[in-house]
């Protein structure tokens, strides 16, 4: 089973390489499909959150009336967690950005595969359905606005909810 899932993930990597070659070929030089000003804004917020202490990232009631940088910007705390891990591994911001996009596409597609596999016993239909998650043109705008791309976890939430409801009936 692990080998089968590994082959599916390799298939997703192949699809990403075909449809978004800039993620791999320009891994450390630029973000594909991103407007320079927007990407710079998002990466500056993430860069601040990587280096700042947690007490300065969010506006917690304990620190009222002070307001910090991420209070008035995009919700990037979850994205910043990934970037903090990538920073710990020695990747720069552009490499982290491209790796985050690749991981988000793979994880979202895999979640769609598991979710659609709950509705059908075929292995081909979930594979085609989950491939549409990667191929869909809406992803291009999310390459800049990472807080939208970070919704890759939603298919997993629905998958586990359906699994829970199925076991509850038995």
Protein backbone atom coordinates (compact mmCIF):
# COMPACT_ATOMS: atom_id res chain seq x y z
CA UNK A 1 0.00 0.00 0.00
CA UNK A 2 2.86 2.39 0.78
CA UNK A 3 4.43 1.62 -2.59
CA UNK A 4 1.13 2.36 -4.33
CA UNK A 5 0.78 5.72 -2.55
CA UNK A 6 4.41 6.52 -3.34
CA UNK A 7 3.70 5.90 -7.03
CA UNK A 8 0.71 8.22 -6.84
CA UNK A 9 2.86 10.97 -5.31
CA UNK A 10 5.48 10.46 -8.04
CA UNK A 11 2.68 10.74 -10.60
CA UNK A 12 1.64 14.05 -9.05
CA UNK A 13 5.24 15.27 -9.15
CA UNK A 14 5.37 14.37 -12.83
CA UNK A 15 2.15 16.31 -13.52
CA UNK A 16 3.51 19.33 -11.62
CA UNK A 17 6.73 19.13 -13.64
CA UNK A 18 4.75 19.10 -16.89
CA UNK A 19 2.29 21.89 -16.04
CA UNK A 20 4.49 24.08 -13.83
CA UNK A 21 8.10 23.51 -14.92
CA UNK A 22 9.21 26.83 -13.40
CA UNK A 23 8.73 25.41 -9.91
CA UNK A 24 11.59 22.98 -10.55
CA UNK A 25 13.67 24.65 -13.24
CA UNK A 26 13.79 28.07 -11.54
CA UNK A 27 13.68 26.68 -8.03
CA UNK A 28 15.94 29.26 -6.44
CA UNK A 29 15.64 32.26 -8.76
CA UNK A 30 11.98 33.26 -9.04
CA UNK A 31 8.38 32.37 -8.27
CA UNK A 32 6.51 31.32 -11.40
CA UNK A 33 3.31 33.17 -12.30
CA UNK A 34 3.83 35.74 -9.56
CA UNK A 35 3.75 39.51 -9.79
CA UNK A 36 6.99 40.85 -8.35
CA UNK A 37 5.40 43.38 -5.99
CA UNK A 38 2.85 40.93 -4.61
CA UNK A 39 5.39 38.17 -4.08
CA UNK A 40 7.76 40.62 -2.41
CA UNK A 41 4.97 41.76 -0.06
CA UNK A 42 4.01 38.22 0.94
CA UNK A 43 7.62 37.11 1.37
CA UNK A 44 8.42 40.17 3.51
CA UNK A 45 5.55 39.27 5.85
CA UNK A 46 6.71 35.65 6.01
CA UNK A 47 10.32 36.73 6.53
CA UNK A 48 9.23 38.87 9.47
CA UNK A 49 7.22 36.02 10.98
CA UNK A 50 10.14 33.59 10.63
CA UNK A 51 12.48 35.82 12.61
CA UNK A 52 10.07 37.44 15.10
CA UNK A 53 9.15 35.98 18.49
CA UNK A 54 5.64 34.55 18.76
CA UNK A 55 4.51 37.40 21.00
CA UNK A 56 5.05 39.83 18.10
CA UNK A 57 3.37 37.80 15.37
CA UNK A 58 -0.28 37.94 16.41
CA UNK A 59 -2.43 40.33 18.34
CA UNK A 60 -3.22 38.32 21.44
CA UNK A 61 -5.61 39.70 24.08
CA UNK A 62 -2.76 39.62 26.59
CA UNK A 63 -0.84 42.22 24.58
CA UNK A 64 -3.79 44.61 24.07
CA UNK A 65 -3.71 47.51 22.95
CA UNK A 66 -0.48 46.78 21.05
CA UNK A 67 -0.96 45.63 17.49
CA UNK A 68 1.69 43.79 15.52
CA UNK A 69 2.45 43.26 11.87
CA UNK A 70 0.46 40.09 11.14
CA UNK A 71 -2.67 41.47 12.76
CA UNK A 72 -3.42 43.68 9.76
CA UNK A 73 -2.15 41.46 6.94
CA UNK A 74 -2.93 38.14 5.32
CA UNK A 75 -3.40 35.10 7.59
CA UNK A 76 0.01 33.55 7.03
CA UNK A 77 0.72 31.92 10.38
CA UNK A 78 0.29 28.34 9.07
CA UNK A 79 2.32 29.15 5.98
CA UNK A 80 5.00 30.72 8.16
CA UNK A 81 5.29 27.47 10.12
CA UNK A 82 6.29 25.62 6.92
CA UNK A 83 8.67 28.42 5.97
CA UNK A 84 10.22 28.31 9.43
CA UNK A 85 10.90 24.58 8.95
CA UNK A 86 12.34 25.23 5.48
CA UNK A 87 14.49 28.04 6.91
CA UNK A 88 15.79 25.60 9.53
CA UNK A 89 16.76 23.24 6.66
CA UNK A 90 18.76 26.04 5.00
CA UNK A 91 16.44 27.04 2.16
CA UNK A 92 16.07 30.69 1.20
CA UNK A 93 12.69 32.41 0.80
CA UNK A 94 12.28 31.71 -2.92
CA UNK A 95 13.25 28.06 -2.57
CA UNK A 96 10.89 27.76 0.39
CA UNK A 97 8.12 29.38 -1.61
CA UNK A 98 8.49 26.99 -4.54
CA UNK A 99 8.79 23.96 -2.26
CA UNK A 100 5.68 25.07 -0.36
CA UNK A 101 3.74 25.34 -3.63
CA UNK A 102 4.89 21.86 -4.69
CA UNK A 103 3.98 20.34 -1.33
CA UNK A 104 0.60 22.10 -1.21
CA UNK A 105 -0.29 20.84 -4.69
CA UNK A 106 0.78 17.28 -3.88
CA UNK A 107 -0.96 17.18 -0.50
CA UNK A 108 -4.16 18.74 -1.85
CA UNK A 109 -4.25 16.30 -4.77
CA UNK A 110 -3.59 13.35 -2.47
CA UNK A 111 -6.41 14.49 -0.18
CA UNK A 112 -8.71 14.71 -3.21
CA UNK A 113 -7.62 11.20 -4.18
CA UNK A 114 -8.51 9.82 -0.75
CA UNK A 115 -11.79 11.75 -0.66
CA UNK A 116 -12.96 10.66 -4.11
CA UNK A 117 -11.80 7.11 -3.34
CA UNK A 118 -14.44 7.02 -0.61
CA UNK A 119 -17.18 7.47 -3.20
CA UNK A 120 -15.96 5.02 -5.83
CA UNK A 121 -14.17 1.69 -5.77
CA UNK A 122 -12.23 2.44 -8.94
CA UNK A 123 -8.63 3.64 -8.68
CA UNK A 124 -8.64 5.48 -12.02
CA UNK A 125 -11.48 7.91 -11.30
CA UNK A 126 -9.94 9.26 -8.07
CA UNK A 127 -6.59 9.59 -9.83
CA UNK A 128 -8.15 11.64 -12.64
CA UNK A 129 -10.20 13.71 -10.21
CA UNK A 130 -7.22 14.47 -8.00
CA UNK A 131 -5.09 15.37 -11.03
CA UNK A 132 -7.60 18.11 -11.81
CA UNK A 133 -6.66 19.68 -8.47
CA UNK A 134 -3.14 20.20 -9.80
CA UNK A 135 -4.05 21.10 -13.38
CA UNK A 136 -6.76 23.66 -12.58
CA UNK A 137 -5.74 27.15 -13.75
CA UNK A 138 -6.87 28.79 -10.51
CA UNK A 139 -3.63 27.58 -8.88
CA UNK A 140 -1.63 30.20 -10.80
CA UNK A 141 -3.09 33.05 -8.77
CA UNK A 142 -2.47 31.11 -5.56
CA UNK A 143 1.24 30.85 -6.33
CA UNK A 144 1.49 34.44 -5.12
CA UNK A 145 -1.18 34.48 -2.41
CA UNK A 146 -0.04 31.50 -0.35
CA UNK A 147 -2.79 31.86 2.23
CA UNK A 148 -5.27 30.64 -0.43
CA UNK A 149 -3.02 27.77 -1.52
CA UNK A 150 -2.76 26.67 2.10
CA UNK A 151 -6.29 25.27 1.93
CA UNK A 152 -4.78 21.98 0.79
CA UNK A 153 -5.91 20.40 4.07
CA UNK A 154 -9.65 20.71 3.29
CA UNK A 155 -9.98 17.44 1.31
CA UNK A 156 -8.41 15.64 4.29
CA UNK A 157 -10.97 17.19 6.65
CA UNK A 158 -13.86 15.99 4.48
CA UNK A 159 -12.22 12.57 4.03
CA UNK A 160 -11.90 12.04 7.79
CA UNK A 161 -15.43 13.37 8.34
CA UNK A 162 -16.87 10.87 5.85
CA UNK A 163 -14.78 8.08 7.36
CA UNK A 164 -16.09 9.01 10.81
CA UNK A 165 -19.69 9.05 9.60
CA UNK A 166 -19.26 5.65 7.91
CA UNK A 167 -17.85 4.02 11.02
CA UNK A 168 -20.50 5.64 13.20
CA UNK A 169 -23.25 3.93 11.19
CA UNK A 170 -21.71 0.51 11.79
